[in-house]
Amino acid sequence: MDPLESRAWLAIVDTAELLPAALDAQLQADAGLTHFEYMTLTALRLSGPMRMTQLAETTNSTRARLSKVVSRLADRGLVERRTGAADGRAVSVALTADGRRAVVRATPAHIERVRELVIDRLSREQLDAVATALEPVVAALDPHHRFGPARTDAP
């Protein structure tokens, strides 16, 4: 890599490593949720009930990890599992009223933290450049558009 390539790559890697921990800390402190729990609840809020397999794709998770998180969220009354009427094996997950309230309450502080850490540190031109630069990378990593179908509405 030349110096510019190395600088860009390290900025991406460092952001990918540091940002999730910062978002987790804020969400844990303000809402008692991990960032993954928040994104799971947000996906359900935006899309409605989903089968576990679809939710795993939407949250870029393994089914095993998602199953543990859904169990924790269900124990807290934030989601409910529903079995399919046809065969009983297909499990879907739905947001409860408490889950909807939790994600709605968590969103303003979360967006404020995203703004503080990322959005407000960049000019409009830089934001456009970041989006323009990373969208093809995301397309290469997720050619079937399985991850985050409602990304335009969620941080």
C-alpha atoms as a PDB file:
ATOM      1  CA  MET A   1       0.000   0.000   0.000  1.00  0.00           C
ATOM      2  CA  ASP A   2       1.119   3.510  -0.664  1.00  0.00           C
ATOM      3  CA  PRO A   3       0.878   6.063   2.190  1.00  0.00           C
ATOM      4  CA  LEU A   4      -2.598   7.326   1.191  1.00  0.00           C
ATOM      5  CA  GLU A   5      -3.988   3.795   0.858  1.00  0.00           C
ATOM      6  CA  SER A   6      -2.517   2.861   4.236  1.00  0.00           C
ATOM      7  CA  ARG A   7      -3.886   6.016   5.883  1.00  0.00           C
ATOM      8  CA  ALA A   8      -7.381   5.399   4.473  1.00  0.00           C
ATOM      9  CA  TRP A   9      -7.345   1.705   5.393  1.00  0.00           C
ATOM     10  CA  LEU A  10      -6.188   2.368   8.960  1.00  0.00           C
ATOM     11  CA  ALA A  11      -8.861   5.069   9.388  1.00  0.00           C
ATOM     12  CA  ILE A  12     -11.524   2.553   8.321  1.00  0.00           C
ATOM     13  CA  VAL A  13     -10.148  -0.190  10.592  1.00  0.00           C
ATOM     14  CA  ASP A  14      -9.762   2.137  13.569  1.00  0.00           C
ATOM     15  CA  THR A  15     -13.306   3.451  13.123  1.00  0.00           C
ATOM     16  CA  ALA A  16     -14.671  -0.084  12.803  1.00  0.00           C
ATOM     17  CA  GLU A  17     -12.928  -1.031  16.051  1.00  0.00           C
ATOM     18  CA  LEU A  18     -13.578   2.073  18.157  1.00  0.00           C
ATOM     19  CA  LEU A  19     -17.064   3.203  17.130  1.00  0.00           C
ATOM     20  CA  PRO A  20     -19.018   0.099  18.237  1.00  0.00           C
ATOM     21  CA  ALA A  21     -17.575   0.298  21.768  1.00  0.00           C
ATOM     22  CA  ALA A  22     -18.438   3.993  22.024  1.00  0.00           C
ATOM     23  CA  LEU A  23     -21.999   3.383  20.819  1.00  0.00           C
ATOM     24  CA  ASP A  24     -22.382   0.409  23.165  1.00  0.00           C
ATOM     25  CA  ALA A  25     -21.251   2.508  26.130  1.00  0.00           C
ATOM     26  CA  GLN A  26     -23.750   5.272  25.352  1.00  0.00           C
ATOM     27  CA  LEU A  27     -26.671   2.905  24.788  1.00  0.00           C
ATOM     28  CA  GLN A  28     -25.864   0.865  27.900  1.00  0.00           C
ATOM     29  CA  ALA A  29     -25.681   3.991  30.046  1.00  0.00           C
ATOM     30  CA  ASP A  30     -28.747   5.711  28.603  1.00  0.00           C
ATOM     31  CA  ALA A  31     -31.059   2.821  27.698  1.00  0.00           C
ATOM     32  CA  GLY A  32     -29.677  -0.419  29.147  1.00  0.00           C
ATOM     33  CA  LEU A  33     -29.224  -1.793  25.618  1.00  0.00           C
ATOM     34  CA  THR A  34     -26.222  -2.949  23.656  1.00  0.00           C
ATOM     35  CA  HIS A  35     -25.783  -1.494  20.188  1.00  0.00           C
ATOM     36  CA  PHE A  36     -26.683  -4.905  18.727  1.00  0.00           C
ATOM     37  CA  GLU A  37     -29.878  -5.041  20.820  1.00  0.00           C
ATOM     38  CA  TYR A  38     -30.737  -1.516  19.698  1.00  0.00           C
ATOM     39  CA  MET A  39     -30.187  -2.397  16.027  1.00  0.00           C
ATOM     40  CA  THR A  40     -32.285  -5.547  16.445  1.00  0.00           C
ATOM     41  CA  LEU A  41     -35.143  -3.570  17.978  1.00  0.00           C
ATOM     42  CA  THR A  42     -34.782  -0.883  15.297  1.00  0.00           C
ATOM     43  CA  ALA A  43     -34.938  -3.471  12.516  1.00  0.00           C
ATOM     44  CA  LEU A  44     -38.154  -4.860  13.997  1.00  0.00           C
ATOM     45  CA  ARG A  45     -39.591  -1.364  14.457  1.00  0.00           C
ATOM     46  CA  LEU A  46     -38.922  -0.457  10.829  1.00  0.00           C
ATOM     47  CA  SER A  47     -39.865  -3.782   9.213  1.00  0.00           C
ATOM     48  CA  GLY A  48     -42.383  -5.371  11.559  1.00  0.00           C
ATOM     49  CA  PRO A  49     -42.240  -9.024  12.655  1.00  0.00           C
ATOM     50  CA  MET A  50     -39.508 -11.031  10.962  1.00  0.00           C
ATOM     51  CA  ARG A  51     -38.441 -14.628  10.790  1.00  0.00           C
ATOM     52  CA  MET A  52     -35.289 -15.308  12.739  1.00  0.00           C
ATOM     53  CA  THR A  53     -33.349 -16.080   9.557  1.00  0.00           C
ATOM     54  CA  GLN A  54     -34.323 -12.759   7.990  1.00  0.00           C
ATOM     55  CA  LEU A  55     -33.575 -10.877  11.215  1.00  0.00           C
ATOM     56  CA  ALA A  56     -30.150 -12.535  11.398  1.00  0.00           C
ATOM     57  CA  GLU A  57     -29.390 -11.340   7.867  1.00  0.00           C
ATOM     58  CA  THR A  58     -30.718  -7.853   8.567  1.00  0.00           C
ATOM     59  CA  THR A  59     -28.550  -7.512  11.686  1.00  0.00           C
ATOM     60  CA  ASN A  60     -25.532  -9.288  10.145  1.00  0.00           C
ATOM     61  CA  SER A  61     -25.615 -11.889  12.887  1.00  0.00           C
ATOM     62  CA  THR A  62     -25.328 -15.612  13.245  1.00  0.00           C
ATOM     63  CA  ARG A  63     -28.553 -17.319  14.194  1.00  0.00           C
ATOM     64  CA  ALA A  64     -26.936 -18.561  17.418  1.00  0.00           C
ATOM     65  CA  ARG A  65     -25.949 -15.034  18.508  1.00  0.00           C
ATOM     66  CA  LEU A  66     -29.329 -13.630  17.510  1.00  0.00           C
ATOM     67  CA  SER A  67     -31.164 -16.392  19.359  1.00  0.00           C
ATOM     68  CA  LYS A  68     -29.352 -15.490  22.605  1.00  0.00           C
ATOM     69  CA  VAL A  69     -30.062 -11.789  22.144  1.00  0.00           C
ATOM     70  CA  VAL A  70     -33.719 -12.394  21.268  1.00  0.00           C
ATOM     71  CA  SER A  71     -34.039 -14.559  24.394  1.00  0.00           C
ATOM     72  CA  ARG A  72     -32.625 -11.728  26.531  1.00  0.00           C
ATOM     73  CA  LEU A  73     -34.912  -9.188  24.881  1.00  0.00           C
ATOM     74  CA  ALA A  74     -37.920 -11.516  25.314  1.00  0.00           C
ATOM     75  CA  ASP A  75     -37.060 -12.009  29.006  1.00  0.00           C
ATOM     76  CA  ARG A  76     -37.186  -8.218  29.351  1.00  0.00           C
ATOM     77  CA  GLY A  77     -40.541  -8.048  27.550  1.00  0.00           C
ATOM     78  CA  LEU A  78     -39.168  -6.109  24.568  1.00  0.00           C
ATOM     79  CA  VAL A  79     -39.850  -8.740  21.895  1.00  0.00           C
ATOM     80  CA  GLU A  80     -41.933 -11.849  21.565  1.00  0.00           C
ATOM     81  CA  ARG A  81     -41.296 -15.019  19.614  1.00  0.00           C
ATOM     82  CA  ARG A  82     -44.056 -16.432  17.468  1.00  0.00           C
ATOM     83  CA  THR A  83     -44.089 -19.860  15.881  1.00  0.00           C
ATOM     84  CA  GLY A  84     -45.439 -20.329  12.393  1.00  0.00           C
ATOM     85  CA  ALA A  85     -48.968 -21.676  12.171  1.00  0.00           C
ATOM     86  CA  ALA A  86     -48.133 -23.859   9.164  1.00  0.00           C
ATOM     87  CA  ASP A  87     -45.316 -26.005  10.506  1.00  0.00           C
ATOM     88  CA  GLY A  88     -44.500 -24.736  13.997  1.00  0.00           C
ATOM     89  CA  ARG A  89     -40.783 -24.674  13.216  1.00  0.00           C
ATOM     90  CA  ALA A  90     -40.504 -21.224  11.691  1.00  0.00           C
ATOM     91  CA  VAL A  91     -39.995 -18.668  14.413  1.00  0.00           C
ATOM     92  CA  SER A  92     -40.617 -14.997  13.901  1.00  0.00           C
ATOM     93  CA  VAL A  93     -39.837 -12.165  16.265  1.00  0.00           C
ATOM     94  CA  ALA A  94     -42.081  -9.191  16.918  1.00  0.00           C
ATOM     95  CA  LEU A  95     -41.556  -6.009  18.848  1.00  0.00           C
ATOM     96  CA  THR A  96     -43.798  -5.599  21.887  1.00  0.00           C
ATOM     97  CA  ALA A  97     -45.265  -2.264  22.956  1.00  0.00           C
ATOM     98  CA  ASP A  98     -42.532  -2.052  25.627  1.00  0.00           C
ATOM     99  CA  GLY A  99     -39.916  -2.807  22.970  1.00  0.00           C
ATOM    100  CA  ARG A 100     -41.253  -0.070  20.727  1.00  0.00           C
ATOM    101  CA  ARG A 101     -41.181   2.401  23.637  1.00  0.00           C
ATOM    102  CA  ALA A 102     -37.626   1.351  24.549  1.00  0.00           C
ATOM    103  CA  VAL A 103     -36.254   1.898  21.054  1.00  0.00           C
ATOM    104  CA  VAL A 104     -38.143   5.169  20.595  1.00  0.00           C
ATOM    105  CA  ARG A 105     -36.814   6.452  23.951  1.00  0.00           C
ATOM    106  CA  ALA A 106     -33.249   5.319  23.161  1.00  0.00           C
ATOM    107  CA  THR A 107     -33.085   6.894  19.702  1.00  0.00           C
ATOM    108  CA  PRO A 108     -32.634  10.631  20.479  1.00  0.00           C
ATOM    109  CA  ALA A 109     -29.607  10.123  22.767  1.00  0.00           C
ATOM    110  CA  HIS A 110     -28.173   7.570  20.358  1.00  0.00           C
ATOM    111  CA  ILE A 111     -28.475   9.957  17.417  1.00  0.00           C
ATOM    112  CA  GLU A 112     -26.954  12.709  19.550  1.00  0.00           C
ATOM    113  CA  ARG A 113     -23.936  10.454  20.248  1.00  0.00           C
ATOM    114  CA  VAL A 114     -23.623   9.494  16.558  1.00  0.00           C
ATOM    115  CA  ARG A 115     -23.675  13.192  15.701  1.00  0.00           C
ATOM    116  CA  GLU A 116     -21.104  13.997  18.380  1.00  0.00           C
ATOM    117  CA  LEU A 117     -18.703  11.245  17.335  1.00  0.00           C
ATOM    118  CA  VAL A 118     -19.101  11.274  13.555  1.00  0.00           C
ATOM    119  CA  ILE A 119     -21.613  13.522  11.809  1.00  0.00           C
ATOM    120  CA  ASP A 120     -20.711  16.855  13.423  1.00  0.00           C
ATOM    121  CA  ARG A 121     -16.985  16.250  12.913  1.00  0.00           C
ATOM    122  CA  LEU A 122     -17.376  16.241   9.136  1.00  0.00           C
ATOM    123  CA  SER A 123     -18.515  18.900   6.685  1.00  0.00           C
ATOM    124  CA  ARG A 124     -21.425  18.237   4.331  1.00  0.00           C
ATOM    125  CA  GLU A 125     -18.888  17.677   1.556  1.00  0.00           C
ATOM    126  CA  GLN A 126     -16.948  15.189   3.692  1.00  0.00           C
ATOM    127  CA  LEU A 127     -20.159  13.341   4.602  1.00  0.00           C
ATOM    128  CA  ASP A 128     -21.012  13.066   0.924  1.00  0.00           C
ATOM    129  CA  ALA A 129     -17.480  11.859   0.163  1.00  0.00           C
ATOM    130  CA  VAL A 130     -17.630   9.242   2.942  1.00  0.00           C
ATOM    131  CA  ALA A 131     -21.004   7.949   1.738  1.00  0.00           C
ATOM    132  CA  THR A 132     -19.884   7.953  -1.888  1.00  0.00           C
ATOM    133  CA  ALA A 133     -16.631   6.187  -1.023  1.00  0.00           C
ATOM    134  CA  LEU A 134     -18.105   3.520   1.253  1.00  0.00           C
ATOM    135  CA  GLU A 135     -21.323   2.635  -0.597  1.00  0.00           C
ATOM    136  CA  PRO A 136     -19.436   0.587  -3.239  1.00  0.00           C
ATOM    137  CA  VAL A 137     -17.525  -1.186  -0.457  1.00  0.00           C
ATOM    138  CA  VAL A 138     -20.794  -2.064   1.281  1.00  0.00           C
ATOM    139  CA  ALA A 139     -22.205  -3.249  -2.060  1.00  0.00           C
ATOM    140  CA  ALA A 140     -19.198  -5.553  -2.526  1.00  0.00           C
ATOM    141  CA  LEU A 141     -19.498  -6.896   1.033  1.00  0.00           C
ATOM    142  CA  ASP A 142     -23.287  -7.360   0.761  1.00  0.00           C
ATOM    143  CA  PRO A 143     -24.109  -7.957  -2.912  1.00  0.00           C
ATOM    144  CA  HIS A 144     -27.559  -9.364  -2.098  1.00  0.00           C
ATOM    145  CA  HIS A 145     -28.507  -6.361   0.075  1.00  0.00           C
ATOM    146  CA  ARG A 146     -29.385  -8.573   3.049  1.00  0.00           C
ATOM    147  CA  PHE A 147     -27.882  -6.365   5.713  1.00  0.00           C
ATOM    148  CA  GLY A 148     -29.938  -3.473   7.021  1.00  0.00           C
ATOM    149  CA  PRO A 149     -32.620  -3.037   4.372  1.00  0.00           C
ATOM    150  CA  ALA A 150     -33.958   0.044   6.161  1.00  0.00           C
ATOM    151  CA  ARG A 151     -30.543   1.692   6.599  1.00  0.00           C
ATOM    152  CA  THR A 152     -31.670   5.053   5.304  1.00  0.00           C
ATOM    153  CA  ASP A 153     -33.904   5.458   8.367  1.00  0.00           C
ATOM    154  CA  ALA A 154     -31.562   4.140  11.062  1.00  0.00           C
ATOM    155  CA  PRO A 155     -28.177   5.326  12.340  1.00  0.00           C
END
